[in-house]
Amino acid sequence: MLNHIPALVSRFTFFDQKSKSSNNNEIRAKKQTKGMKRIVLLTFLIFSVNLIFAQVKGVVVDENNKPIPYVNIWVENENIGTTSEEDGTFTLPVSETKKICFSALGYETKIVSATMVKSVVLYPKALELNEVVIEKRKGTREIVIGDFSGIKLNSGVTNTGQDNVHVWAKKIETSAIAKAHPFVQSIAFVTHSRLKNVLLRIRIFKENNNGLPLEDIVEEDILVPIKKGQKINQVDLTKYNIKIPEEGLVIGFEYLKLEQNKFEYTFTSKDKKGTQKGYRYEPSIKGFFPGGETLLILNRDGSPRSKGYGNVEIALKIKLSN
């Protein structure tokens, strides 16, 4: 009987080892399953973060492969956008699934997939000669409208906290005085900038019958260098031969989303602990309150974001001539 004990012990040991091995396999399988779940979750999180922080980079050039500076670039049907730098390069925080629009004065607008923006070629607009009407100004009489001398500039417009604000604009209504002196000779406006060497683009739009911007009258860039601090800016527009249409005129001030225009600052918030970082594009454009209902917010293409924006009025002096 004792002779059979080792065999029984051996069998029991074998079964016990088999049971332990099975348990170990189950534990390993569970660990592997948990590991796979973690990998899948991590992959999903990485993919999601990449979508959120994805960027596309490229350069905008003309048909001769020369860079085009200050091109308006935005995501189709969205307000996410930027401006090409002086060398034509740009970076846009957007996923590659989107379509990107490129628009520059004097060039045809182009829409391409975000995967095809490494080098974007823009072609000049074809000039339709039958639409060009040249009228010579006499320049024998001059008047000034909108003189803000003596007015306290207690308000204005800015890009702070409004990254999707691209163009602030002011409506200029047609009047008997304007009809007698229909040519825009120059404009003057006041800015305040916390940076030096800032660039601002002036846009001149024709109005439609509803008093809203219809199209750019000047098909080239009017770039104004802005100095640091509060300054009066004088812009000579004589060479553009701008005549105020019967419907009226809209003068826009466009923020260029360039690194040289970007002012970074810190602030505190009641909802969040610690110091937060923010940025704005300079400059602010001074005005006064209360004023007339002449203020508009425009998209990059000149289309209106809103029909009116309260009673803040941009301080804008315009010299006209006959």
C-alpha atoms as a PDB file:
ATOM      1  CA  MET A   1       0.000   0.000   0.000  1.00  0.00           C
ATOM      2  CA  LEU A   2       2.834   2.318   0.894  1.00  0.00           C
ATOM      3  CA  ASN A   3       4.377   1.551  -2.450  1.00  0.00           C
ATOM      4  CA  HIS A   4       1.451   3.362  -4.167  1.00  0.00           C
ATOM      5  CA  ILE A   5       1.757   6.564  -2.126  1.00  0.00           C
ATOM      6  CA  PRO A   6       4.475   8.159  -4.298  1.00  0.00           C
ATOM      7  CA  ALA A   7       2.368   7.526  -7.380  1.00  0.00           C
ATOM      8  CA  LEU A   8      -0.664   9.147  -5.777  1.00  0.00           C
ATOM      9  CA  VAL A   9       1.442  12.055  -4.564  1.00  0.00           C
ATOM     10  CA  SER A  10       2.888  12.354  -8.034  1.00  0.00           C
ATOM     11  CA  ARG A  11      -0.620  12.422  -9.548  1.00  0.00           C
ATOM     12  CA  PHE A  12      -1.821  15.009  -7.040  1.00  0.00           C
ATOM     13  CA  THR A  13       1.282  17.106  -7.698  1.00  0.00           C
ATOM     14  CA  PHE A  14       0.710  16.850 -11.446  1.00  0.00           C
ATOM     15  CA  PHE A  15      -2.923  17.945 -11.138  1.00  0.00           C
ATOM     16  CA  ASP A  16      -1.951  20.760  -8.777  1.00  0.00           C
ATOM     17  CA  GLN A  17       0.736  21.995 -11.192  1.00  0.00           C
ATOM     18  CA  LYS A  18      -1.719  21.782 -14.075  1.00  0.00           C
ATOM     19  CA  SER A  19      -4.241  23.833 -12.080  1.00  0.00           C
ATOM     20  CA  LYS A  20      -1.602  26.438 -11.247  1.00  0.00           C
ATOM     21  CA  SER A  21      -0.519  26.586 -14.866  1.00  0.00           C
ATOM     22  CA  SER A  22      -4.115  27.125 -15.963  1.00  0.00           C
ATOM     23  CA  ASN A  23      -4.566  29.910 -13.432  1.00  0.00           C
ATOM     24  CA  ASN A  24      -1.336  31.543 -14.538  1.00  0.00           C
ATOM     25  CA  ASN A  25      -2.489  31.401 -18.145  1.00  0.00           C
ATOM     26  CA  GLU A  26      -5.777  33.066 -17.204  1.00  0.00           C
ATOM     27  CA  ILE A  27      -3.940  35.787 -15.293  1.00  0.00           C
ATOM     28  CA  ARG A  28      -1.593  36.350 -18.198  1.00  0.00           C
ATOM     29  CA  ALA A  29      -4.542  36.500 -20.616  1.00  0.00           C
ATOM     30  CA  LYS A  30      -6.315  39.057 -18.417  1.00  0.00           C
ATOM     31  CA  LYS A  31      -3.155  41.131 -18.214  1.00  0.00           C
ATOM     32  CA  GLN A  32      -2.738  40.950 -21.966  1.00  0.00           C
ATOM     33  CA  THR A  33      -6.375  42.007 -22.468  1.00  0.00           C
ATOM     34  CA  LYS A  34      -5.926  44.955 -20.109  1.00  0.00           C
ATOM     35  CA  GLY A  35      -2.703  45.823 -21.890  1.00  0.00           C
ATOM     36  CA  MET A  36      -4.417  45.746 -25.266  1.00  0.00           C
ATOM     37  CA  LYS A  37      -7.236  47.939 -23.961  1.00  0.00           C
ATOM     38  CA  ARG A  38      -4.693  50.439 -22.670  1.00  0.00           C
ATOM     39  CA  ILE A  39      -2.866  50.446 -25.994  1.00  0.00           C
ATOM     40  CA  VAL A  40      -6.121  50.989 -27.894  1.00  0.00           C
ATOM     41  CA  LEU A  41      -7.130  53.793 -25.505  1.00  0.00           C
ATOM     42  CA  LEU A  42      -3.706  55.405 -25.733  1.00  0.00           C
ATOM     43  CA  THR A  43      -3.756  55.173 -29.525  1.00  0.00           C
ATOM     44  CA  PHE A  44      -7.212  56.769 -29.587  1.00  0.00           C
ATOM     45  CA  LEU A  45      -6.070  59.577 -27.284  1.00  0.00           C
ATOM     46  CA  ILE A  46      -2.948  60.225 -29.361  1.00  0.00           C
ATOM     47  CA  PHE A  47      -5.051  60.264 -32.533  1.00  0.00           C
ATOM     48  CA  SER A  48      -7.549  62.670 -30.933  1.00  0.00           C
ATOM     49  CA  VAL A  49      -4.778  64.975 -29.703  1.00  0.00           C
ATOM     50  CA  ASN A  50      -3.200  64.936 -33.151  1.00  0.00           C
ATOM     51  CA  LEU A  51      -6.536  65.973 -34.649  1.00  0.00           C
ATOM     52  CA  ILE A  52      -6.891  68.783 -32.133  1.00  0.00           C
ATOM     53  CA  PHE A  53      -3.334  70.062 -32.503  1.00  0.00           C
ATOM     54  CA  ALA A  54      -2.774  69.113 -36.153  1.00  0.00           C
ATOM     55  CA  GLN A  55      -1.093  71.732 -38.287  1.00  0.00           C
ATOM     56  CA  VAL A  56      -0.571  72.152 -41.981  1.00  0.00           C
ATOM     57  CA  LYS A  57       2.336  74.161 -43.356  1.00  0.00           C
ATOM     58  CA  GLY A  58       3.017  75.511 -46.804  1.00  0.00           C
ATOM     59  CA  VAL A  59       3.953  78.427 -49.014  1.00  0.00           C
ATOM     60  CA  VAL A  60       1.903  80.542 -51.444  1.00  0.00           C
ATOM     61  CA  VAL A  61       3.578  81.511 -54.723  1.00  0.00           C
ATOM     62  CA  ASP A  62       2.632  83.075 -58.046  1.00  0.00           C
ATOM     63  CA  GLU A  63       2.952  81.512 -61.494  1.00  0.00           C
ATOM     64  CA  ASN A  64       6.641  82.482 -61.557  1.00  0.00           C
ATOM     65  CA  ASN A  65       7.250  80.706 -58.238  1.00  0.00           C
ATOM     66  CA  LYS A  66       7.698  84.002 -56.373  1.00  0.00           C
ATOM     67  CA  PRO A  67       6.235  84.105 -52.845  1.00  0.00           C
ATOM     68  CA  ILE A  68       3.004  86.041 -52.327  1.00  0.00           C
ATOM     69  CA  PRO A  69       2.912  87.804 -48.937  1.00  0.00           C
ATOM     70  CA  TYR A  70      -0.134  88.601 -46.792  1.00  0.00           C
ATOM     71  CA  VAL A  71      -2.495  86.117 -48.457  1.00  0.00           C
ATOM     72  CA  ASN A  72      -5.748  85.455 -46.597  1.00  0.00           C
ATOM     73  CA  ILE A  73      -5.940  81.761 -45.708  1.00  0.00           C
ATOM     74  CA  TRP A  74      -8.871  80.127 -43.942  1.00  0.00           C
ATOM     75  CA  VAL A  75     -10.740  76.865 -43.479  1.00  0.00           C
ATOM     76  CA  GLU A  76     -13.714  76.584 -45.808  1.00  0.00           C
ATOM     77  CA  ASN A  77     -17.018  77.441 -44.053  1.00  0.00           C
ATOM     78  CA  GLU A  78     -15.176  78.219 -40.794  1.00  0.00           C
ATOM     79  CA  ASN A  79     -13.575  81.237 -39.136  1.00  0.00           C
ATOM     80  CA  ILE A  80     -10.231  79.535 -38.508  1.00  0.00           C
ATOM     81  CA  GLY A  81      -7.565  81.299 -40.526  1.00  0.00           C
ATOM     82  CA  THR A  82      -4.217  83.022 -40.847  1.00  0.00           C
ATOM     83  CA  THR A  83      -2.137  85.251 -43.137  1.00  0.00           C
ATOM     84  CA  SER A  84       0.916  84.253 -45.150  1.00  0.00           C
ATOM     85  CA  GLU A  85       4.171  85.833 -43.998  1.00  0.00           C
ATOM     86  CA  GLU A  86       6.329  88.134 -46.124  1.00  0.00           C
ATOM     87  CA  ASP A  87       8.064  85.082 -47.631  1.00  0.00           C
ATOM     88  CA  GLY A  88       4.723  83.444 -48.485  1.00  0.00           C
ATOM     89  CA  THR A  89       4.942  80.773 -45.761  1.00  0.00           C
ATOM     90  CA  PHE A  90       2.100  79.932 -43.400  1.00  0.00           C
ATOM     91  CA  THR A  91       1.033  77.538 -40.655  1.00  0.00           C
ATOM     92  CA  LEU A  92      -2.601  76.703 -39.989  1.00  0.00           C
ATOM     93  CA  PRO A  93      -3.888  74.674 -36.991  1.00  0.00           C
ATOM     94  CA  VAL A  94      -6.278  72.352 -38.789  1.00  0.00           C
ATOM     95  CA  SER A  95      -6.651  68.655 -39.584  1.00  0.00           C
ATOM     96  CA  GLU A  96      -5.824  67.353 -43.045  1.00  0.00           C
ATOM     97  CA  THR A  97      -9.471  66.423 -43.649  1.00  0.00           C
ATOM     98  CA  LYS A  98     -10.435  70.083 -44.224  1.00  0.00           C
ATOM     99  CA  LYS A  99     -10.424  72.283 -47.323  1.00  0.00           C
ATOM    100  CA  ILE A 100      -8.394  75.489 -47.271  1.00  0.00           C
ATOM    101  CA  CYS A 101      -9.227  78.763 -49.064  1.00  0.00           C
ATOM    102  CA  PHE A 102      -6.568  81.152 -50.396  1.00  0.00           C
ATOM    103  CA  SER A 103      -7.453  84.726 -51.344  1.00  0.00           C
ATOM    104  CA  ALA A 104      -5.277  87.685 -52.299  1.00  0.00           C
ATOM    105  CA  LEU A 105      -6.211  90.972 -53.939  1.00  0.00           C
ATOM    106  CA  GLY A 106      -5.522  90.798 -57.664  1.00  0.00           C
ATOM    107  CA  TYR A 107      -5.466  86.974 -57.700  1.00  0.00           C
ATOM    108  CA  GLU A 108      -8.051  84.282 -58.295  1.00  0.00           C
ATOM    109  CA  THR A 109      -9.317  82.645 -55.090  1.00  0.00           C
ATOM    110  CA  LYS A 110      -8.281  79.018 -54.730  1.00  0.00           C
ATOM    111  CA  ILE A 111      -9.687  76.158 -52.604  1.00  0.00           C
ATOM    112  CA  VAL A 112      -7.581  73.038 -52.060  1.00  0.00           C
ATOM    113  CA  SER A 113      -7.438  70.045 -49.738  1.00  0.00           C
ATOM    114  CA  ALA A 114      -5.350  70.539 -46.600  1.00  0.00           C
ATOM    115  CA  THR A 115      -3.142  67.690 -47.813  1.00  0.00           C
ATOM    116  CA  MET A 116      -2.182  69.726 -50.918  1.00  0.00           C
ATOM    117  CA  VAL A 117      -0.973  72.992 -49.376  1.00  0.00           C
ATOM    118  CA  LYS A 118       2.776  72.413 -49.374  1.00  0.00           C
ATOM    119  CA  SER A 119       3.037  74.766 -52.362  1.00  0.00           C
ATOM    120  CA  VAL A 120      -0.053  76.674 -53.503  1.00  0.00           C
ATOM    121  CA  VAL A 121       0.044  78.607 -56.785  1.00  0.00           C
ATOM    122  CA  LEU A 122      -2.257  81.615 -57.251  1.00  0.00           C
ATOM    123  CA  TYR A 123      -2.903  83.120 -60.685  1.00  0.00           C
ATOM    124  CA  PRO A 124      -3.685  86.783 -61.454  1.00  0.00           C
ATOM    125  CA  LYS A 125      -7.295  87.725 -62.101  1.00  0.00           C
ATOM    126  CA  ALA A 126      -8.165  88.272 -65.734  1.00  0.00           C
ATOM    127  CA  LEU A 127      -8.940  91.953 -66.271  1.00  0.00           C
ATOM    128  CA  GLU A 128     -12.339  92.491 -67.833  1.00  0.00           C
ATOM    129  CA  LEU A 129     -11.786  95.598 -69.930  1.00  0.00           C
ATOM    130  CA  ASN A 130     -15.469  96.204 -70.497  1.00  0.00           C
ATOM    131  CA  GLU A 131     -15.916  96.815 -66.748  1.00  0.00           C
ATOM    132  CA  VAL A 132     -13.104  99.351 -66.399  1.00  0.00           C
ATOM    133  CA  VAL A 133     -14.351 102.938 -66.355  1.00  0.00           C
ATOM    134  CA  ILE A 134     -11.683 105.602 -65.894  1.00  0.00           C
ATOM    135  CA  GLU A 135     -12.835 109.074 -64.904  1.00  0.00           C
ATOM    136  CA  LYS A 136     -10.295 111.823 -64.449  1.00  0.00           C
ATOM    137  CA  ARG A 137     -10.538 113.891 -61.294  1.00  0.00           C
ATOM    138  CA  LYS A 138     -10.361 117.671 -61.534  1.00  0.00           C
ATOM    139  CA  GLY A 139      -8.854 118.176 -58.083  1.00  0.00           C
ATOM    140  CA  THR A 140      -9.725 121.870 -57.993  1.00  0.00           C
ATOM    141  CA  ARG A 141     -11.804 121.634 -54.805  1.00  0.00           C
ATOM    142  CA  GLU A 142     -11.205 119.646 -51.623  1.00  0.00           C
ATOM    143  CA  ILE A 143     -13.338 118.992 -48.561  1.00  0.00           C
ATOM    144  CA  VAL A 144     -12.922 116.935 -45.400  1.00  0.00           C
ATOM    145  CA  ILE A 145     -15.625 114.722 -43.895  1.00  0.00           C
ATOM    146  CA  GLY A 146     -15.456 112.906 -40.573  1.00  0.00           C
ATOM    147  CA  ASP A 147     -13.004 115.287 -38.929  1.00  0.00           C
ATOM    148  CA  PHE A 148     -12.493 113.936 -35.395  1.00  0.00           C
ATOM    149  CA  SER A 149     -10.423 116.863 -34.104  1.00  0.00           C
ATOM    150  CA  GLY A 150     -11.660 117.835 -30.667  1.00  0.00           C
ATOM    151  CA  ILE A 151     -13.575 114.571 -30.176  1.00  0.00           C
ATOM    152  CA  LYS A 152     -12.546 112.455 -27.196  1.00  0.00           C
ATOM    153  CA  LEU A 153     -11.610 109.015 -28.518  1.00  0.00           C
ATOM    154  CA  ASN A 154     -13.072 107.058 -25.624  1.00  0.00           C
ATOM    155  CA  SER A 155     -13.633 103.761 -27.404  1.00  0.00           C
ATOM    156  CA  GLY A 156     -12.543 101.717 -30.404  1.00  0.00           C
ATOM    157  CA  VAL A 157     -12.214  98.232 -31.821  1.00  0.00           C
ATOM    158  CA  THR A 158      -9.642  95.526 -31.334  1.00  0.00           C
ATOM    159  CA  ASN A 159      -8.815  91.874 -31.953  1.00  0.00           C
ATOM    160  CA  THR A 160      -8.398  90.974 -28.263  1.00  0.00           C
ATOM    161  CA  GLY A 161     -10.240  87.773 -27.366  1.00  0.00           C
ATOM    162  CA  GLN A 162     -11.773  87.685 -30.838  1.00  0.00           C
ATOM    163  CA  ASP A 163      -9.378  85.626 -32.935  1.00  0.00           C
ATOM    164  CA  ASN A 164     -12.059  85.185 -35.597  1.00  0.00           C
ATOM    165  CA  VAL A 165     -12.489  88.948 -36.118  1.00  0.00           C
ATOM    166  CA  HIS A 166     -10.736  89.804 -39.355  1.00  0.00           C
ATOM    167  CA  VAL A 167     -12.035  93.142 -40.674  1.00  0.00           C
ATOM    168  CA  TRP A 168     -13.586  96.063 -38.844  1.00  0.00           C
ATOM    169  CA  ALA A 169     -15.241  98.449 -41.293  1.00  0.00           C
ATOM    170  CA  LYS A 170     -17.064 101.753 -41.488  1.00  0.00           C
ATOM    171  CA  LYS A 171     -19.871 102.661 -43.878  1.00  0.00           C
ATOM    172  CA  ILE A 172     -19.571 105.951 -45.766  1.00  0.00           C
ATOM    173  CA  GLU A 173     -22.956 107.096 -46.969  1.00  0.00           C
ATOM    174  CA  THR A 174     -23.408 109.040 -50.187  1.00  0.00           C
ATOM    175  CA  SER A 175     -24.385 112.673 -49.626  1.00  0.00           C
ATOM    176  CA  ALA A 176     -24.756 115.842 -51.698  1.00  0.00           C
ATOM    177  CA  ILE A 177     -21.278 116.913 -50.577  1.00  0.00           C
ATOM    178  CA  ALA A 178     -19.801 113.539 -51.545  1.00  0.00           C
ATOM    179  CA  LYS A 179     -21.503 113.674 -54.946  1.00  0.00           C
ATOM    180  CA  ALA A 180     -19.932 117.072 -55.599  1.00  0.00           C
ATOM    181  CA  HIS A 181     -16.535 115.760 -54.415  1.00  0.00           C
ATOM    182  CA  PRO A 182     -16.686 112.053 -55.286  1.00  0.00           C
ATOM    183  CA  PHE A 183     -12.967 111.162 -55.347  1.00  0.00           C
ATOM    184  CA  VAL A 184     -11.226 109.835 -52.238  1.00  0.00           C
ATOM    185  CA  GLN A 185      -7.909 111.602 -51.880  1.00  0.00           C
ATOM    186  CA  SER A 186      -6.737 110.407 -48.453  1.00  0.00           C
ATOM    187  CA  ILE A 187      -7.866 108.986 -45.128  1.00  0.00           C
ATOM    188  CA  ALA A 188      -6.665 109.490 -41.564  1.00  0.00           C
ATOM    189  CA  PHE A 189      -7.340 107.257 -38.561  1.00  0.00           C
ATOM    190  CA  VAL A 190      -5.952 106.688 -35.078  1.00  0.00           C
ATOM    191  CA  THR A 191      -4.358 103.465 -33.826  1.00  0.00           C
ATOM    192  CA  HIS A 192      -2.831 102.249 -30.604  1.00  0.00           C
ATOM    193  CA  SER A 193      -0.230  99.477 -30.762  1.00  0.00           C
ATOM    194  CA  ARG A 194       1.818  97.740 -28.108  1.00  0.00           C
ATOM    195  CA  LEU A 195       4.259  96.621 -30.770  1.00  0.00           C
ATOM    196  CA  LYS A 196       6.411  98.403 -33.320  1.00  0.00           C
ATOM    197  CA  ASN A 197       6.587  97.511 -37.026  1.00  0.00           C
ATOM    198  CA  VAL A 198       2.948  96.378 -37.218  1.00  0.00           C
ATOM    199  CA  LEU A 199       1.168  96.105 -40.582  1.00  0.00           C
ATOM    200  CA  LEU A 200      -2.508  96.847 -41.207  1.00  0.00           C
ATOM    201  CA  ARG A 201      -4.334  96.370 -44.508  1.00  0.00           C
ATOM    202  CA  ILE A 202      -6.917  98.857 -45.769  1.00  0.00           C
ATOM    203  CA  ARG A 203      -9.801  97.441 -47.814  1.00  0.00           C
ATOM    204  CA  ILE A 204     -12.093  99.618 -49.942  1.00  0.00           C
ATOM    205  CA  PHE A 205     -15.467  98.074 -50.782  1.00  0.00           C
ATOM    206  CA  LYS A 206     -18.351  99.087 -52.969  1.00  0.00           C
ATOM    207  CA  GLU A 207     -21.734  98.913 -51.219  1.00  0.00           C
ATOM    208  CA  ASN A 208     -24.784  97.093 -52.504  1.00  0.00           C
ATOM    209  CA  ASN A 209     -28.308  98.504 -52.340  1.00  0.00           C
ATOM    210  CA  ASN A 210     -28.656  97.276 -48.739  1.00  0.00           C
ATOM    211  CA  GLY A 211     -25.614  99.213 -47.560  1.00  0.00           C
ATOM    212  CA  LEU A 212     -23.422  96.118 -47.239  1.00  0.00           C
ATOM    213  CA  PRO A 213     -20.018  95.437 -48.859  1.00  0.00           C
ATOM    214  CA  LEU A 214     -20.257  94.066 -52.373  1.00  0.00           C
ATOM    215  CA  GLU A 215     -16.707  93.797 -53.736  1.00  0.00           C
ATOM    216  CA  ASP A 216     -13.221  95.274 -53.416  1.00  0.00           C
ATOM    217  CA  ILE A 217     -12.817  98.455 -55.457  1.00  0.00           C
ATOM    218  CA  VAL A 218      -9.009  98.372 -55.212  1.00  0.00           C
ATOM    219  CA  GLU A 219      -7.506  95.087 -56.389  1.00  0.00           C
ATOM    220  CA  GLU A 220      -4.123  95.507 -54.732  1.00  0.00           C
ATOM    221  CA  ASP A 221      -2.784  95.679 -51.206  1.00  0.00           C
ATOM    222  CA  ILE A 222      -2.951  98.968 -49.330  1.00  0.00           C
ATOM    223  CA  LEU A 223      -0.586  98.233 -46.453  1.00  0.00           C
ATOM    224  CA  VAL A 224      -0.103 100.741 -43.637  1.00  0.00           C
ATOM    225  CA  PRO A 225       2.906 100.491 -41.288  1.00  0.00           C
ATOM    226  CA  ILE A 226       1.763 101.187 -37.726  1.00  0.00           C
ATOM    227  CA  LYS A 227       4.100 102.596 -35.076  1.00  0.00           C
ATOM    228  CA  LYS A 228       4.073 101.766 -31.370  1.00  0.00           C
ATOM    229  CA  GLY A 229       1.821 103.820 -29.110  1.00  0.00           C
ATOM    230  CA  GLN A 230      -1.123 105.992 -30.119  1.00  0.00           C
ATOM    231  CA  LYS A 231      -0.626 107.529 -33.551  1.00  0.00           C
ATOM    232  CA  ILE A 232      -2.572 109.294 -36.301  1.00  0.00           C
ATOM    233  CA  ASN A 233      -2.067 107.474 -39.603  1.00  0.00           C
ATOM    234  CA  GLN A 234      -2.330 109.341 -42.909  1.00  0.00           C
ATOM    235  CA  VAL A 235      -2.858 107.259 -46.067  1.00  0.00           C
ATOM    236  CA  ASP A 236      -2.663 108.832 -49.524  1.00  0.00           C
ATOM    237  CA  LEU A 237      -5.140 107.113 -51.864  1.00  0.00           C
ATOM    238  CA  THR A 238      -4.835 109.461 -54.839  1.00  0.00           C
ATOM    239  CA  LYS A 239      -3.140 106.943 -57.145  1.00  0.00           C
ATOM    240  CA  TYR A 240      -6.045 104.485 -56.826  1.00  0.00           C
ATOM    241  CA  ASN A 241      -8.528 106.925 -58.394  1.00  0.00           C
ATOM    242  CA  ILE A 242     -11.320 105.835 -56.026  1.00  0.00           C
ATOM    243  CA  LYS A 243     -14.690 107.340 -56.815  1.00  0.00           C
ATOM    244  CA  ILE A 244     -17.511 106.951 -54.288  1.00  0.00           C
ATOM    245  CA  PRO A 245     -20.295 104.908 -55.969  1.00  0.00           C
ATOM    246  CA  GLU A 246     -23.911 105.962 -55.851  1.00  0.00           C
ATOM    247  CA  GLU A 247     -24.647 103.255 -53.283  1.00  0.00           C
ATOM    248  CA  GLY A 248     -21.849 104.347 -50.954  1.00  0.00           C
ATOM    249  CA  LEU A 249     -18.482 103.087 -49.766  1.00  0.00           C
ATOM    250  CA  VAL A 250     -17.177 100.782 -47.024  1.00  0.00           C
ATOM    251  CA  ILE A 251     -13.658 101.269 -45.677  1.00  0.00           C
ATOM    252  CA  GLY A 252     -12.241  98.239 -43.886  1.00  0.00           C
ATOM    253  CA  PHE A 253      -9.321  97.747 -41.494  1.00  0.00           C
ATOM    254  CA  GLU A 254      -8.024  94.207 -41.799  1.00  0.00           C
ATOM    255  CA  TYR A 255      -5.956  92.410 -39.178  1.00  0.00           C
ATOM    256  CA  LEU A 256      -3.013  90.537 -40.668  1.00  0.00           C
ATOM    257  CA  LYS A 257      -2.278  87.453 -38.594  1.00  0.00           C
ATOM    258  CA  LEU A 258       1.477  87.786 -38.831  1.00  0.00           C
ATOM    259  CA  GLU A 259       4.060  86.969 -36.173  1.00  0.00           C
ATOM    260  CA  GLN A 260       5.201  90.616 -36.216  1.00  0.00           C
ATOM    261  CA  ASN A 261       1.634  91.682 -35.311  1.00  0.00           C
ATOM    262  CA  LYS A 262       1.120  89.131 -32.524  1.00  0.00           C
ATOM    263  CA  PHE A 263       1.193  90.495 -28.969  1.00  0.00           C
ATOM    264  CA  GLU A 264       1.288  87.894 -26.189  1.00  0.00           C
ATOM    265  CA  TYR A 265       0.179  88.667 -22.657  1.00  0.00           C
ATOM    266  CA  THR A 266      -0.800  86.977 -19.379  1.00  0.00           C
ATOM    267  CA  PHE A 267      -4.032  87.285 -17.425  1.00  0.00           C
ATOM    268  CA  THR A 268      -5.905  85.720 -14.518  1.00  0.00           C
ATOM    269  CA  SER A 269      -9.369  84.189 -14.610  1.00  0.00           C
ATOM    270  CA  LYS A 270     -11.912  83.479 -11.867  1.00  0.00           C
ATOM    271  CA  ASP A 271     -12.687  80.095 -13.412  1.00  0.00           C
ATOM    272  CA  LYS A 272      -9.074  78.883 -13.610  1.00  0.00           C
ATOM    273  CA  LYS A 273      -6.193  78.839 -11.159  1.00  0.00           C
ATOM    274  CA  GLY A 274      -2.919  80.523 -11.910  1.00  0.00           C
ATOM    275  CA  THR A 275      -1.862  82.780 -14.746  1.00  0.00           C
ATOM    276  CA  GLN A 276      -3.247  82.208 -18.236  1.00  0.00           C
ATOM    277  CA  LYS A 277      -1.642  83.119 -21.559  1.00  0.00           C
ATOM    278  CA  GLY A 278      -3.408  85.055 -24.292  1.00  0.00           C
ATOM    279  CA  TYR A 279      -2.609  86.906 -27.485  1.00  0.00           C
ATOM    280  CA  ARG A 280      -4.022  89.525 -29.787  1.00  0.00           C
ATOM    281  CA  TYR A 281      -3.146  90.975 -33.163  1.00  0.00           C
ATOM    282  CA  GLU A 282      -2.238  94.639 -33.123  1.00  0.00           C
ATOM    283  CA  PRO A 283      -3.287  97.396 -33.480  1.00  0.00           C
ATOM    284  CA  SER A 284      -6.480  98.627 -31.876  1.00  0.00           C
ATOM    285  CA  ILE A 285      -8.359 101.260 -33.908  1.00  0.00           C
ATOM    286  CA  LYS A 286      -9.621 104.209 -31.933  1.00  0.00           C
ATOM    287  CA  GLY A 287     -13.132 105.589 -32.052  1.00  0.00           C
ATOM    288  CA  PHE A 288     -15.786 107.158 -29.919  1.00  0.00           C
ATOM    289  CA  PHE A 289     -19.029 106.295 -28.173  1.00  0.00           C
ATOM    290  CA  PRO A 290     -21.813 107.028 -28.755  1.00  0.00           C
ATOM    291  CA  GLY A 291     -21.521 107.357 -32.513  1.00  0.00           C
ATOM    292  CA  GLY A 292     -23.533 106.516 -35.594  1.00  0.00           C
ATOM    293  CA  GLU A 293     -24.498 103.006 -36.602  1.00  0.00           C
ATOM    294  CA  THR A 294     -21.725 102.700 -39.177  1.00  0.00           C
ATOM    295  CA  LEU A 295     -19.633  99.864 -37.722  1.00  0.00           C
ATOM    296  CA  LEU A 296     -19.448  96.460 -39.435  1.00  0.00           C
ATOM    297  CA  ILE A 297     -17.614  93.192 -38.866  1.00  0.00           C
ATOM    298  CA  LEU A 298     -16.557  91.528 -42.110  1.00  0.00           C
ATOM    299  CA  ASN A 299     -15.174  88.148 -43.043  1.00  0.00           C
ATOM    300  CA  ARG A 300     -11.933  87.889 -44.991  1.00  0.00           C
ATOM    301  CA  ASP A 301     -13.774  87.863 -48.313  1.00  0.00           C
ATOM    302  CA  GLY A 302     -15.620  91.060 -47.391  1.00  0.00           C
ATOM    303  CA  SER A 303     -18.936  89.391 -46.641  1.00  0.00           C
ATOM    304  CA  PRO A 304     -20.673  90.832 -43.561  1.00  0.00           C
ATOM    305  CA  ARG A 305     -20.533  88.996 -40.247  1.00  0.00           C
ATOM    306  CA  SER A 306     -23.217  91.310 -38.895  1.00  0.00           C
ATOM    307  CA  LYS A 307     -25.272  94.235 -40.206  1.00  0.00           C
ATOM    308  CA  GLY A 308     -24.349  96.478 -37.315  1.00  0.00           C
ATOM    309  CA  TYR A 309     -22.290  96.445 -34.152  1.00  0.00           C
ATOM    310  CA  GLY A 310     -23.630  99.009 -31.749  1.00  0.00           C
ATOM    311  CA  ASN A 311     -22.915 102.713 -31.530  1.00  0.00           C
ATOM    312  CA  VAL A 312     -19.121 102.657 -31.477  1.00  0.00           C
ATOM    313  CA  GLU A 313     -17.839 104.705 -34.407  1.00  0.00           C
ATOM    314  CA  ILE A 314     -14.340 104.482 -35.864  1.00  0.00           C
ATOM    315  CA  ALA A 315     -12.636 107.876 -35.985  1.00  0.00           C
ATOM    316  CA  LEU A 316     -12.033 108.253 -39.717  1.00  0.00           C
ATOM    317  CA  LYS A 317     -11.248 111.503 -41.545  1.00  0.00           C
ATOM    318  CA  ILE A 318     -11.630 111.444 -45.325  1.00  0.00           C
ATOM    319  CA  LYS A 319     -10.387 114.060 -47.740  1.00  0.00           C
ATOM    320  CA  LEU A 320     -12.452 114.268 -50.935  1.00  0.00           C
ATOM    321  CA  SER A 321     -11.971 116.169 -54.180  1.00  0.00           C
ATOM    322  CA  ASN A 322     -13.936 116.899 -57.348  1.00  0.00           C
END
